[in-house]
Amino acid sequence: MCKALKQAGKFVIITHRFVLIVSCPSLVELGKPEFRGVSADPQWVIESEIGLESVIHADSDQEVVHTVGSSPDTILRQNQHHPRKGVGTRTVRWSNPTTLPLLQTNLELASKEDAESLL
């Protein structure tokens, strides 16, 4: 799913694994009379990335969707296997869940309906 955010040129994309907040400077004027079209090679910037499985809270208030989760890199680092000396067994290092860096993201959409659809 892809929804335009209220801030011009920014979008939220939800895949099977991620919630991405992206921007594209060449789409800032999209929907306005002065929009000249999409450039041949638009530049996309990933501004924020949250692992969908790490989302621990999501709600909406009017046209704003609030999410709390952690970066996919944090989850990957937390679940990495590290070799142990000895018989070749592997161990998993788990960090304390309270130390995970959580990201709170407030996504302002164009309408309450868009926010409810995204949620």
PDB file of N, CA and C in Angstrom:
ATOM      1  N   MET A   1       0.853  -1.172   0.000  1.00  0.00           N
ATOM      2  CA  MET A   1       0.000   0.000   0.000  1.00  0.00           C
ATOM      3  C   MET A   1       0.895   1.229   0.000  1.00  0.00           C
ATOM      4  N   CYS A   2       0.479   2.224  -0.737  1.00  0.00           N
ATOM      5  CA  CYS A   2       1.200   3.491  -0.773  1.00  0.00           C
ATOM      6  C   CYS A   2       0.183   4.611  -0.617  1.00  0.00           C
ATOM      7  N   LYS A   3       0.433   5.525   0.308  1.00  0.00           N
ATOM      8  CA  LYS A   3      -0.438   6.682   0.525  1.00  0.00           C
ATOM      9  C   LYS A   3       0.417   7.939   0.571  1.00  0.00           C
ATOM     10  N   ALA A   4      -0.101   8.985  -0.053  1.00  0.00           N
ATOM     11  CA  ALA A   4       0.576  10.285   0.019  1.00  0.00           C
ATOM     12  C   ALA A   4       0.365  10.874   1.408  1.00  0.00           C
ATOM     13  N   LEU A   5       1.409  11.445   1.957  1.00  0.00           N
ATOM     14  CA  LEU A   5       1.297  12.151   3.236  1.00  0.00           C
ATOM     15  C   LEU A   5       0.908  13.592   2.963  1.00  0.00           C
ATOM     16  N   LYS A   6       0.455  14.273   4.002  1.00  0.00           N
ATOM     17  CA  LYS A   6       0.038  15.664   3.844  1.00  0.00           C
ATOM     18  C   LYS A   6       1.204  16.554   3.420  1.00  0.00           C
ATOM     19  N   GLN A   7       2.393  16.237   3.922  1.00  0.00           N
ATOM     20  CA  GLN A   7       3.582  17.004   3.546  1.00  0.00           C
ATOM     21  C   GLN A   7       3.931  16.677   2.093  1.00  0.00           C
ATOM     22  N   ALA A   8       4.016  17.672   1.261  1.00  0.00           N
ATOM     23  CA  ALA A   8       4.232  17.500  -0.175  1.00  0.00           C
ATOM     24  C   ALA A   8       5.479  16.681  -0.489  1.00  0.00           C
ATOM     25  N   GLY A   9       5.327  15.738  -1.403  1.00  0.00           N
ATOM     26  CA  GLY A   9       6.458  14.938  -1.850  1.00  0.00           C
ATOM     27  C   GLY A   9       6.807  13.769  -0.956  1.00  0.00           C
ATOM     28  N   LYS A  10       6.007  13.523   0.102  1.00  0.00           N
ATOM     29  CA  LYS A  10       6.289  12.424   1.027  1.00  0.00           C
ATOM     30  C   LYS A  10       5.174  11.387   0.956  1.00  0.00           C
ATOM     31  N   PHE A  11       5.583  10.123   1.137  1.00  0.00           N
ATOM     32  CA  PHE A  11       4.658   9.009   1.031  1.00  0.00           C
ATOM     33  C   PHE A  11       4.966   7.975   2.102  1.00  0.00           C
ATOM     34  N   VAL A  12       3.959   7.210   2.483  1.00  0.00           N
ATOM     35  CA  VAL A  12       4.162   6.056   3.348  1.00  0.00           C
ATOM     36  C   VAL A  12       3.877   4.824   2.498  1.00  0.00           C
ATOM     37  N   ILE A  13       4.774   3.869   2.575  1.00  0.00           N
ATOM     38  CA  ILE A  13       4.640   2.618   1.840  1.00  0.00           C
ATOM     39  C   ILE A  13       4.646   1.481   2.853  1.00  0.00           C
ATOM     40  N   ILE A  14       3.656   0.606   2.748  1.00  0.00           N
ATOM     41  CA  ILE A  14       3.603  -0.563   3.622  1.00  0.00           C
ATOM     42  C   ILE A  14       3.766  -1.800   2.752  1.00  0.00           C
ATOM     43  N   THR A  15       4.798  -2.596   3.061  1.00  0.00           N
ATOM     44  CA  THR A  15       5.033  -3.848   2.363  1.00  0.00           C
ATOM     45  C   THR A  15       4.729  -4.987   3.335  1.00  0.00           C
ATOM     46  N   HIS A  16       5.014  -6.197   2.943  1.00  0.00           N
ATOM     47  CA  HIS A  16       4.811  -7.338   3.839  1.00  0.00           C
ATOM     48  C   HIS A  16       5.777  -7.297   5.016  1.00  0.00           C
ATOM     49  N   ARG A  17       6.880  -6.555   4.890  1.00  0.00           N
ATOM     50  CA  ARG A  17       7.898  -6.544   5.939  1.00  0.00           C
ATOM     51  C   ARG A  17       8.183  -5.184   6.554  1.00  0.00           C
ATOM     52  N   PHE A  18       7.859  -4.091   5.850  1.00  0.00           N
ATOM     53  CA  PHE A  18       8.295  -2.781   6.312  1.00  0.00           C
ATOM     54  C   PHE A  18       7.212  -1.716   6.215  1.00  0.00           C
ATOM     55  N   VAL A  19       7.357  -0.699   7.055  1.00  0.00           N
ATOM     56  CA  VAL A  19       6.650   0.569   6.907  1.00  0.00           C
ATOM     57  C   VAL A  19       7.742   1.574   6.549  1.00  0.00           C
ATOM     58  N   LEU A  20       7.663   2.120   5.344  1.00  0.00           N
ATOM     59  CA  LEU A  20       8.677   3.050   4.859  1.00  0.00           C
ATOM     60  C   LEU A  20       8.077   4.435   4.698  1.00  0.00           C
ATOM     61  N   ILE A  21       8.787   5.449   5.146  1.00  0.00           N
ATOM     62  CA  ILE A  21       8.417   6.832   4.868  1.00  0.00           C
ATOM     63  C   ILE A  21       9.457   7.310   3.863  1.00  0.00           C
ATOM     64  N   VAL A  22       8.985   7.667   2.671  1.00  0.00           N
ATOM     65  CA  VAL A  22       9.882   8.061   1.598  1.00  0.00           C
ATOM     66  C   VAL A  22       9.514   9.453   1.097  1.00  0.00           C
ATOM     67  N   SER A  23      10.493  10.096   0.482  1.00  0.00           N
ATOM     68  CA  SER A  23      10.225  11.400  -0.132  1.00  0.00           C
ATOM     69  C   SER A  23      10.831  11.413  -1.526  1.00  0.00           C
ATOM     70  N   CYS A  24      10.247  12.253  -2.357  1.00  0.00           N
ATOM     71  CA  CYS A  24      10.731  12.430  -3.726  1.00  0.00           C
ATOM     72  C   CYS A  24      10.610  13.916  -4.064  1.00  0.00           C
ATOM     73  N   PRO A  25      11.739  14.639  -4.097  1.00  0.00           N
ATOM     74  CA  PRO A  25      11.693  16.079  -4.352  1.00  0.00           C
ATOM     75  C   PRO A  25      10.971  16.458  -5.649  1.00  0.00           C
ATOM     76  N   SER A  26      11.035  15.601  -6.662  1.00  0.00           N
ATOM     77  CA  SER A  26      10.392  15.957  -7.934  1.00  0.00           C
ATOM     78  C   SER A  26       8.868  15.808  -7.882  1.00  0.00           C
ATOM     79  N   LEU A  27       8.324  15.277  -6.785  1.00  0.00           N
ATOM     80  CA  LEU A  27       6.873  15.132  -6.654  1.00  0.00           C
ATOM     81  C   LEU A  27       6.251  16.129  -5.676  1.00  0.00           C
ATOM     82  N   VAL A  28       7.026  17.116  -5.242  1.00  0.00           N
ATOM     83  CA  VAL A  28       6.533  18.105  -4.287  1.00  0.00           C
ATOM     84  C   VAL A  28       5.326  18.866  -4.831  1.00  0.00           C
ATOM     85  N   GLU A  29       5.316  19.156  -6.102  1.00  0.00           N
ATOM     86  CA  GLU A  29       4.217  19.930  -6.699  1.00  0.00           C
ATOM     87  C   GLU A  29       3.097  19.047  -7.264  1.00  0.00           C
ATOM     88  N   LEU A  30       3.137  17.747  -7.012  1.00  0.00           N
ATOM     89  CA  LEU A  30       2.129  16.815  -7.527  1.00  0.00           C
ATOM     90  C   LEU A  30       0.726  17.259  -7.126  1.00  0.00           C
ATOM     91  N   GLY A  31      -0.164  17.310  -8.097  1.00  0.00           N
ATOM     92  CA  GLY A  31      -1.548  17.726  -7.842  1.00  0.00           C
ATOM     93  C   GLY A  31      -1.782  19.212  -7.967  1.00  0.00           C
ATOM     94  N   LYS A  32      -0.739  19.982  -8.158  1.00  0.00           N
ATOM     95  CA  LYS A  32      -0.857  21.433  -8.319  1.00  0.00           C
ATOM     96  C   LYS A  32      -0.712  21.799  -9.790  1.00  0.00           C
ATOM     97  N   PRO A  33      -1.291  22.923 -10.198  1.00  0.00           N
ATOM     98  CA  PRO A  33      -1.194  23.325 -11.613  1.00  0.00           C
ATOM     99  C   PRO A  33       0.242  23.510 -12.096  1.00  0.00           C
ATOM    100  N   GLU A  34       1.151  23.880 -11.209  1.00  0.00           N
ATOM    101  CA  GLU A  34       2.540  24.118 -11.620  1.00  0.00           C
ATOM    102  C   GLU A  34       3.367  22.825 -11.734  1.00  0.00           C
ATOM    103  N   PHE A  35       2.753  21.662 -11.459  1.00  0.00           N
ATOM    104  CA  PHE A  35       3.470  20.389 -11.559  1.00  0.00           C
ATOM    105  C   PHE A  35       3.893  20.146 -13.001  1.00  0.00           C
ATOM    106  N   ARG A  36       5.186  19.893 -13.208  1.00  0.00           N
ATOM    107  CA  ARG A  36       5.735  19.758 -14.558  1.00  0.00           C
ATOM    108  C   ARG A  36       5.896  18.298 -14.968  1.00  0.00           C
ATOM    109  N   GLY A  37       5.526  17.378 -14.134  1.00  0.00           N
ATOM    110  CA  GLY A  37       5.675  15.963 -14.454  1.00  0.00           C
ATOM    111  C   GLY A  37       6.825  15.339 -13.686  1.00  0.00           C
ATOM    112  N   VAL A  38       6.904  14.054 -13.791  1.00  0.00           N
ATOM    113  CA  VAL A  38       7.934  13.304 -13.080  1.00  0.00           C
ATOM    114  C   VAL A  38       9.211  13.285 -13.908  1.00  0.00           C
ATOM    115  N   SER A  39      10.325  13.526 -13.264  1.00  0.00           N
ATOM    116  CA  SER A  39      11.604  13.506 -13.974  1.00  0.00           C
ATOM    117  C   SER A  39      11.910  12.086 -14.450  1.00  0.00           C
ATOM    118  N   ALA A  40      12.787  11.983 -15.425  1.00  0.00           N
ATOM    119  CA  ALA A  40      13.144  10.687 -15.997  1.00  0.00           C
ATOM    120  C   ALA A  40      13.804   9.763 -14.971  1.00  0.00           C
ATOM    121  N   ASP A  41      14.497  10.347 -14.023  1.00  0.00           N
ATOM    122  CA  ASP A  41      15.192   9.560 -13.005  1.00  0.00           C
ATOM    123  C   ASP A  41      14.911  10.172 -11.623  1.00  0.00           C
ATOM    124  N   PRO A  42      13.696   9.952 -11.092  1.00  0.00           N
ATOM    125  CA  PRO A  42      13.367  10.591  -9.811  1.00  0.00           C
ATOM    126  C   PRO A  42      14.224  10.032  -8.675  1.00  0.00           C
ATOM    127  N   GLN A  43      14.557  10.909  -7.751  1.00  0.00           N
ATOM    128  CA  GLN A  43      15.359  10.514  -6.592  1.00  0.00           C
ATOM    129  C   GLN A  43      14.418  10.224  -5.432  1.00  0.00           C
ATOM    130  N   TRP A  44      14.493   9.024  -4.880  1.00  0.00           N
ATOM    131  CA  TRP A  44      13.687   8.627  -3.730  1.00  0.00           C
ATOM    132  C   TRP A  44      14.598   8.517  -2.520  1.00  0.00           C
ATOM    133  N   VAL A  45      14.147   9.057  -1.393  1.00  0.00           N
ATOM    134  CA  VAL A  45      14.914   9.013  -0.158  1.00  0.00           C
ATOM    135  C   VAL A  45      14.078   8.292   0.889  1.00  0.00           C
ATOM    136  N   ILE A  46      14.642   7.232   1.484  1.00  0.00           N
ATOM    137  CA  ILE A  46      13.963   6.551   2.588  1.00  0.00           C
ATOM    138  C   ILE A  46      14.300   7.324   3.851  1.00  0.00           C
ATOM    139  N   GLU A  47      13.292   7.962   4.422  1.00  0.00           N
ATOM    140  CA  GLU A  47      13.507   8.787   5.607  1.00  0.00           C
ATOM    141  C   GLU A  47      13.350   8.002   6.895  1.00  0.00           C
ATOM    142  N   SER A  48      12.511   6.980   6.868  1.00  0.00           N
ATOM    143  CA  SER A  48      12.275   6.181   8.061  1.00  0.00           C
ATOM    144  C   SER A  48      11.872   4.784   7.643  1.00  0.00           C
ATOM    145  N   GLU A  49      12.281   3.809   8.423  1.00  0.00           N
ATOM    146  CA  GLU A  49      11.995   2.411   8.121  1.00  0.00           C
ATOM    147  C   GLU A  49      11.676   1.700   9.428  1.00  0.00           C
ATOM    148  N   ILE A  50      10.504   1.089   9.487  1.00  0.00           N
ATOM    149  CA  ILE A  50      10.090   0.336  10.672  1.00  0.00           C
ATOM    150  C   ILE A  50       9.754  -1.074  10.215  1.00  0.00           C
ATOM    151  N   GLY A  51      10.268  -2.062  10.926  1.00  0.00           N
ATOM    152  CA  GLY A  51       9.927  -3.444  10.626  1.00  0.00           C
ATOM    153  C   GLY A  51       8.473  -3.685  10.993  1.00  0.00           C
ATOM    154  N   LEU A  52       7.680  -4.187  10.064  1.00  0.00           N
ATOM    155  CA  LEU A  52       6.250  -4.380  10.304  1.00  0.00           C
ATOM    156  C   LEU A  52       6.007  -5.297  11.497  1.00  0.00           C
ATOM    157  N   GLU A  53       6.826  -6.334  11.646  1.00  0.00           N
ATOM    158  CA  GLU A  53       6.660  -7.253  12.775  1.00  0.00           C
ATOM    159  C   GLU A  53       7.023  -6.610  14.107  1.00  0.00           C
ATOM    160  N   SER A  54       7.744  -5.493  14.073  1.00  0.00           N
ATOM    161  CA  SER A  54       8.159  -4.847  15.315  1.00  0.00           C
ATOM    162  C   SER A  54       7.169  -3.781  15.788  1.00  0.00           C
ATOM    163  N   VAL A  55       6.136  -3.511  15.003  1.00  0.00           N
ATOM    164  CA  VAL A  55       5.156  -2.493  15.409  1.00  0.00           C
ATOM    165  C   VAL A  55       4.421  -2.998  16.639  1.00  0.00           C
ATOM    166  N   ILE A  56       4.543  -2.237  17.737  1.00  0.00           N
ATOM    167  CA  ILE A  56       3.897  -2.656  18.976  1.00  0.00           C
ATOM    168  C   ILE A  56       2.649  -1.827  19.281  1.00  0.00           C
ATOM    169  N   HIS A  57       2.471  -0.735  18.557  1.00  0.00           N
ATOM    170  CA  HIS A  57       1.280   0.091  18.757  1.00  0.00           C
ATOM    171  C   HIS A  57       1.004   0.889  17.485  1.00  0.00           C
ATOM    172  N   ALA A  58      -0.279   0.973  17.143  1.00  0.00           N
ATOM    173  CA  ALA A  58      -0.707   1.820  16.028  1.00  0.00           C
ATOM    174  C   ALA A  58      -2.120   2.294  16.315  1.00  0.00           C
ATOM    175  N   ASP A  59      -2.359   3.584  16.129  1.00  0.00           N
ATOM    176  CA  ASP A  59      -3.705   4.131  16.266  1.00  0.00           C
ATOM    177  C   ASP A  59      -3.823   5.356  15.376  1.00  0.00           C
ATOM    178  N   SER A  60      -5.039   5.858  15.255  1.00  0.00           N
ATOM    179  CA  SER A  60      -5.221   7.068  14.456  1.00  0.00           C
ATOM    180  C   SER A  60      -6.046   8.073  15.238  1.00  0.00           C
ATOM    181  N   ASP A  61      -5.787   9.334  14.954  1.00  0.00           N
ATOM    182  CA  ASP A  61      -6.506  10.448  15.551  1.00  0.00           C
ATOM    183  C   ASP A  61      -6.747  11.439  14.416  1.00  0.00           C
ATOM    184  N   GLN A  62      -7.984  11.467  13.935  1.00  0.00           N
ATOM    185  CA  GLN A  62      -8.341  12.256  12.763  1.00  0.00           C
ATOM    186  C   GLN A  62      -7.523  11.788  11.576  1.00  0.00           C
ATOM    187  N   GLU A  63      -6.691  12.674  10.992  1.00  0.00           N
ATOM    188  CA  GLU A  63      -5.909  12.275   9.822  1.00  0.00           C
ATOM    189  C   GLU A  63      -4.479  11.864  10.151  1.00  0.00           C
ATOM    190  N   VAL A  64      -4.171  11.626  11.417  1.00  0.00           N
ATOM    191  CA  VAL A  64      -2.821  11.250  11.831  1.00  0.00           C
ATOM    192  C   VAL A  64      -2.805   9.800  12.320  1.00  0.00           C
ATOM    193  N   VAL A  65      -1.861   9.026  11.776  1.00  0.00           N
ATOM    194  CA  VAL A  65      -1.646   7.652  12.233  1.00  0.00           C
ATOM    195  C   VAL A  65      -0.373   7.649  13.066  1.00  0.00           C
ATOM    196  N   HIS A  66      -0.467   7.142  14.294  1.00  0.00           N
ATOM    197  CA  HIS A  66       0.671   7.054  15.207  1.00  0.00           C
ATOM    198  C   HIS A  66       1.129   5.593  15.236  1.00  0.00           C
ATOM    199  N   THR A  67       2.421   5.353  15.053  1.00  0.00           N
ATOM    200  CA  THR A  67       2.968   4.005  15.160  1.00  0.00           C
ATOM    201  C   THR A  67       4.187   4.019  16.070  1.00  0.00           C
ATOM    202  N   VAL A  68       4.374   2.921  16.781  1.00  0.00           N
ATOM    203  CA  VAL A  68       5.569   2.728  17.599  1.00  0.00           C
ATOM    204  C   VAL A  68       6.130   1.366  17.232  1.00  0.00           C
ATOM    205  N   GLY A  69       7.405   1.331  16.877  1.00  0.00           N
ATOM    206  CA  GLY A  69       8.075   0.090  16.510  1.00  0.00           C
ATOM    207  C   GLY A  69       9.567   0.317  16.498  1.00  0.00           C
ATOM    208  N   SER A  70      10.300  -0.682  16.033  1.00  0.00           N
ATOM    209  CA  SER A  70      11.750  -0.530  15.977  1.00  0.00           C
ATOM    210  C   SER A  70      12.249  -0.754  14.558  1.00  0.00           C
ATOM    211  N   SER A  71      13.442  -0.311  14.332  1.00  0.00           N
ATOM    212  CA  SER A  71      14.076  -0.439  13.020  1.00  0.00           C
ATOM    213  C   SER A  71      14.335  -1.911  12.715  1.00  0.00           C
ATOM    214  N   PRO A  72      14.173  -2.334  11.461  1.00  0.00           N
ATOM    215  CA  PRO A  72      14.460  -3.727  11.109  1.00  0.00           C
ATOM    216  C   PRO A  72      15.895  -4.118  11.431  1.00  0.00           C
ATOM    217  N   ASP A  73      16.842  -3.192  11.351  1.00  0.00           N
ATOM    218  CA  ASP A  73      18.236  -3.490  11.675  1.00  0.00           C
ATOM    219  C   ASP A  73      18.384  -3.902  13.128  1.00  0.00           C
ATOM    220  N   THR A  74      17.599  -3.304  14.012  1.00  0.00           N
ATOM    221  CA  THR A  74      17.664  -3.638  15.433  1.00  0.00           C
ATOM    222  C   THR A  74      17.241  -5.076  15.646  1.00  0.00           C
ATOM    223  N   ILE A  75      16.155  -5.487  14.996  1.00  0.00           N
ATOM    224  CA  ILE A  75      15.663  -6.855  15.139  1.00  0.00           C
ATOM    225  C   ILE A  75      16.682  -7.839  14.579  1.00  0.00           C
ATOM    226  N   LEU A  76      17.266  -7.514  13.419  1.00  0.00           N
ATOM    227  CA  LEU A  76      18.257  -8.409  12.830  1.00  0.00           C
ATOM    228  C   LEU A  76      19.467  -8.557  13.732  1.00  0.00           C
ATOM    229  N   ARG A  77      19.966  -7.452  14.279  1.00  0.00           N
ATOM    230  CA  ARG A  77      21.120  -7.517  15.179  1.00  0.00           C
ATOM    231  C   ARG A  77      20.782  -8.312  16.427  1.00  0.00           C
ATOM    232  N   GLN A  78      19.562  -8.161  16.922  1.00  0.00           N
ATOM    233  CA  GLN A  78      19.174  -8.833  18.153  1.00  0.00           C
ATOM    234  C   GLN A  78      19.097 -10.345  17.951  1.00  0.00           C
ATOM    235  N   ASN A  79      18.723 -10.797  16.768  1.00  0.00           N
ATOM    236  CA  ASN A  79      18.516 -12.219  16.521  1.00  0.00           C
ATOM    237  C   ASN A  79      19.717 -12.909  15.873  1.00  0.00           C
ATOM    238  N   GLN A  80      20.843 -12.224  15.728  1.00  0.00           N
ATOM    239  CA  GLN A  80      22.004 -12.832  15.098  1.00  0.00           C
ATOM    240  C   GLN A  80      22.543 -13.960  15.955  1.00  0.00           C
ATOM    241  N   HIS A  81      23.029 -14.985  15.286  1.00  0.00           N
ATOM    242  CA  HIS A  81      23.688 -16.089  15.977  1.00  0.00           C
ATOM    243  C   HIS A  81      25.171 -15.804  16.047  1.00  0.00           C
ATOM    244  N   HIS A  82      25.768 -16.104  17.189  1.00  0.00           N
ATOM    245  CA  HIS A  82      27.189 -15.896  17.369  1.00  0.00           C
ATOM    246  C   HIS A  82      27.819 -17.240  17.717  1.00  0.00           C
ATOM    247  N   PRO A  83      28.929 -17.619  17.063  1.00  0.00           N
ATOM    248  CA  PRO A  83      29.552 -18.907  17.355  1.00  0.00           C
ATOM    249  C   PRO A  83      30.121 -18.946  18.773  1.00  0.00           C
ATOM    250  N   ARG A  84      30.048 -20.123  19.371  1.00  0.00           N
ATOM    251  CA  ARG A  84      30.635 -20.358  20.687  1.00  0.00           C
ATOM    252  C   ARG A  84      31.838 -21.257  20.533  1.00  0.00           C
ATOM    253  N   LYS A  85      32.782 -21.137  21.413  1.00  0.00           N
ATOM    254  CA  LYS A  85      33.928 -22.035  21.397  1.00  0.00           C
ATOM    255  C   LYS A  85      33.467 -23.387  21.915  1.00  0.00           C
ATOM    256  N   GLY A  86      34.015 -24.426  21.370  1.00  0.00           N
ATOM    257  CA  GLY A  86      33.683 -25.763  21.865  1.00  0.00           C
ATOM    258  C   GLY A  86      33.194 -26.660  20.749  1.00  0.00           C
ATOM    259  N   VAL A  87      32.062 -27.263  20.969  1.00  0.00           N
ATOM    260  CA  VAL A  87      31.569 -28.326  20.102  1.00  0.00           C
ATOM    261  C   VAL A  87      30.918 -27.794  18.824  1.00  0.00           C
ATOM    262  N   GLY A  88      31.005 -26.551  18.553  1.00  0.00           N
ATOM    263  CA  GLY A  88      30.402 -25.995  17.355  1.00  0.00           C
ATOM    264  C   GLY A  88      28.938 -25.630  17.553  1.00  0.00           C
ATOM    265  N   THR A  89      28.499 -25.545  18.777  1.00  0.00           N
ATOM    266  CA  THR A  89      27.123 -25.120  19.017  1.00  0.00           C
ATOM    267  C   THR A  89      27.025 -23.624  18.821  1.00  0.00           C
ATOM    268  N   ARG A  90      25.820 -23.156  18.613  1.00  0.00           N
ATOM    269  CA  ARG A  90      25.594 -21.730  18.416  1.00  0.00           C
ATOM    270  C   ARG A  90      24.683 -21.223  19.527  1.00  0.00           C
ATOM    271  N   THR A  91      24.895 -19.993  19.884  1.00  0.00           N
ATOM    272  CA  THR A  91      24.061 -19.374  20.914  1.00  0.00           C
ATOM    273  C   THR A  91      23.447 -18.102  20.355  1.00  0.00           C
ATOM    274  N   VAL A  92      22.348 -17.705  20.924  1.00  0.00           N
ATOM    275  CA  VAL A  92      21.688 -16.471  20.516  1.00  0.00           C
ATOM    276  C   VAL A  92      21.833 -15.479  21.656  1.00  0.00           C
ATOM    277  N   ARG A  93      22.277 -14.291  21.320  1.00  0.00           N
ATOM    278  CA  ARG A  93      22.383 -13.229  22.323  1.00  0.00           C
ATOM    279  C   ARG A  93      21.121 -12.382  22.261  1.00  0.00           C
ATOM    280  N   TRP A  94      20.391 -12.343  23.333  1.00  0.00           N
ATOM    281  CA  TRP A  94      19.181 -11.526  23.405  1.00  0.00           C
ATOM    282  C   TRP A  94      19.470 -10.336  24.285  1.00  0.00           C
ATOM    283  N   SER A  95      19.205  -9.179  23.775  1.00  0.00           N
ATOM    284  CA  SER A  95      19.370  -7.996  24.614  1.00  0.00           C
ATOM    285  C   SER A  95      18.059  -7.746  25.343  1.00  0.00           C
ATOM    286  N   ASN A  96      18.131  -7.014  26.389  1.00  0.00           N
ATOM    287  CA  ASN A  96      16.952  -6.674  27.173  1.00  0.00           C
ATOM    288  C   ASN A  96      15.974  -5.904  26.297  1.00  0.00           C
ATOM    289  N   PRO A  97      14.708  -6.362  26.163  1.00  0.00           N
ATOM    290  CA  PRO A  97      13.757  -5.679  25.289  1.00  0.00           C
ATOM    291  C   PRO A  97      13.556  -4.206  25.625  1.00  0.00           C
ATOM    292  N   THR A  98      13.802  -3.817  26.871  1.00  0.00           N
ATOM    293  CA  THR A  98      13.604  -2.415  27.223  1.00  0.00           C
ATOM    294  C   THR A  98      14.690  -1.520  26.640  1.00  0.00           C
ATOM    295  N   THR A  99      15.771  -2.131  26.138  1.00  0.00           N
ATOM    296  CA  THR A  99      16.839  -1.312  25.570  1.00  0.00           C
ATOM    297  C   THR A  99      16.694  -1.135  24.066  1.00  0.00           C
ATOM    298  N   LEU A 100      15.675  -1.749  23.465  1.00  0.00           N
ATOM    299  CA  LEU A 100      15.478  -1.580  22.031  1.00  0.00           C
ATOM    300  C   LEU A 100      15.157  -0.131  21.709  1.00  0.00           C
ATOM    301  N   PRO A 101      15.802   0.435  20.710  1.00  0.00           N
ATOM    302  CA  PRO A 101      15.449   1.796  20.318  1.00  0.00           C
ATOM    303  C   PRO A 101      14.112   1.789  19.577  1.00  0.00           C
ATOM    304  N   LEU A 102      13.096   2.326  20.195  1.00  0.00           N
ATOM    305  CA  LEU A 102      11.774   2.383  19.590  1.00  0.00           C
ATOM    306  C   LEU A 102      11.609   3.692  18.831  1.00  0.00           C
ATOM    307  N   LEU A 103      10.924   3.599  17.707  1.00  0.00           N
ATOM    308  CA  LEU A 103      10.659   4.769  16.890  1.00  0.00           C
ATOM    309  C   LEU A 103       9.178   5.094  16.970  1.00  0.00           C
ATOM    310  N   GLN A 104       8.857   6.326  17.315  1.00  0.00           N
ATOM    311  CA  GLN A 104       7.467   6.767  17.248  1.00  0.00           C
ATOM    312  C   GLN A 104       7.341   7.611  15.996  1.00  0.00           C
ATOM    313  N   THR A 105       6.388   7.243  15.162  1.00  0.00           N
ATOM    314  CA  THR A 105       6.187   7.944  13.908  1.00  0.00           C
ATOM    315  C   THR A 105       4.763   8.444  13.839  1.00  0.00           C
ATOM    316  N   ASN A 106       4.586   9.704  13.526  1.00  0.00           N
ATOM    317  CA  ASN A 106       3.270  10.296  13.336  1.00  0.00           C
ATOM    318  C   ASN A 106       3.125  10.633  11.860  1.00  0.00           C
ATOM    319  N   LEU A 107       2.213   9.950  11.209  1.00  0.00           N
ATOM    320  CA  LEU A 107       2.018  10.121   9.771  1.00  0.00           C
ATOM    321  C   LEU A 107       0.754  10.924   9.532  1.00  0.00           C
ATOM    322  N   GLU A 108       0.907  12.136   9.019  1.00  0.00           N
ATOM    323  CA  GLU A 108      -0.249  12.985   8.744  1.00  0.00           C
ATOM    324  C   GLU A 108      -0.673  12.806   7.292  1.00  0.00           C
ATOM    325  N   LEU A 109      -1.886  12.284   7.123  1.00  0.00           N
ATOM    326  CA  LEU A 109      -2.414  12.034   5.789  1.00  0.00           C
ATOM    327  C   LEU A 109      -3.379  13.141   5.399  1.00  0.00           C
ATOM    328  N   ALA A 110      -3.859  13.090   4.171  1.00  0.00           N
ATOM    329  CA  ALA A 110      -4.720  14.150   3.645  1.00  0.00           C
ATOM    330  C   ALA A 110      -6.103  14.147   4.284  1.00  0.00           C
ATOM    331  N   SER A 111      -6.589  12.981   4.717  1.00  0.00           N
ATOM    332  CA  SER A 111      -7.950  12.916   5.268  1.00  0.00           C
ATOM    333  C   SER A 111      -8.041  11.855   6.349  1.00  0.00           C
ATOM    334  N   LYS A 112      -9.110  11.931   7.122  1.00  0.00           N
ATOM    335  CA  LYS A 112      -9.391  10.941   8.162  1.00  0.00           C
ATOM    336  C   LYS A 112      -9.601   9.570   7.525  1.00  0.00           C
ATOM    337  N   GLU A 113     -10.244   9.529   6.365  1.00  0.00           N
ATOM    338  CA  GLU A 113     -10.499   8.273   5.664  1.00  0.00           C
ATOM    339  C   GLU A 113      -9.194   7.613   5.236  1.00  0.00           C
ATOM    340  N   ASP A 114      -8.226   8.412   4.734  1.00  0.00           N
ATOM    341  CA  ASP A 114      -6.916   7.871   4.349  1.00  0.00           C
ATOM    342  C   ASP A 114      -6.197   7.300   5.571  1.00  0.00           C
ATOM    343  N   ALA A 115      -6.296   7.989   6.700  1.00  0.00           N
ATOM    344  CA  ALA A 115      -5.661   7.518   7.934  1.00  0.00           C
ATOM    345  C   ALA A 115      -6.267   6.200   8.380  1.00  0.00           C
ATOM    346  N   GLU A 116      -7.599   6.091   8.344  1.00  0.00           N
ATOM    347  CA  GLU A 116      -8.258   4.851   8.748  1.00  0.00           C
ATOM    348  C   GLU A 116      -7.914   3.719   7.797  1.00  0.00           C
ATOM    349  N   SER A 117      -7.812   4.009   6.521  1.00  0.00           N
ATOM    350  CA  SER A 117      -7.447   3.004   5.529  1.00  0.00           C
ATOM    351  C   SER A 117      -6.025   2.508   5.770  1.00  0.00           C
ATOM    352  N   LEU A 118      -5.118   3.423   6.075  1.00  0.00           N
ATOM    353  CA  LEU A 118      -3.724   3.059   6.330  1.00  0.00           C
ATOM    354  C   LEU A 118      -3.619   2.214   7.595  1.00  0.00           C
ATOM    355  N   LEU A 119      -4.362   2.610   8.619  1.00  0.00           N
ATOM    356  CA  LEU A 119      -4.308   1.884   9.888  1.00  0.00           C
ATOM    357  C   LEU A 119      -4.790   0.463   9.695  1.00  0.00           C
TER     358      LEU A 119
END
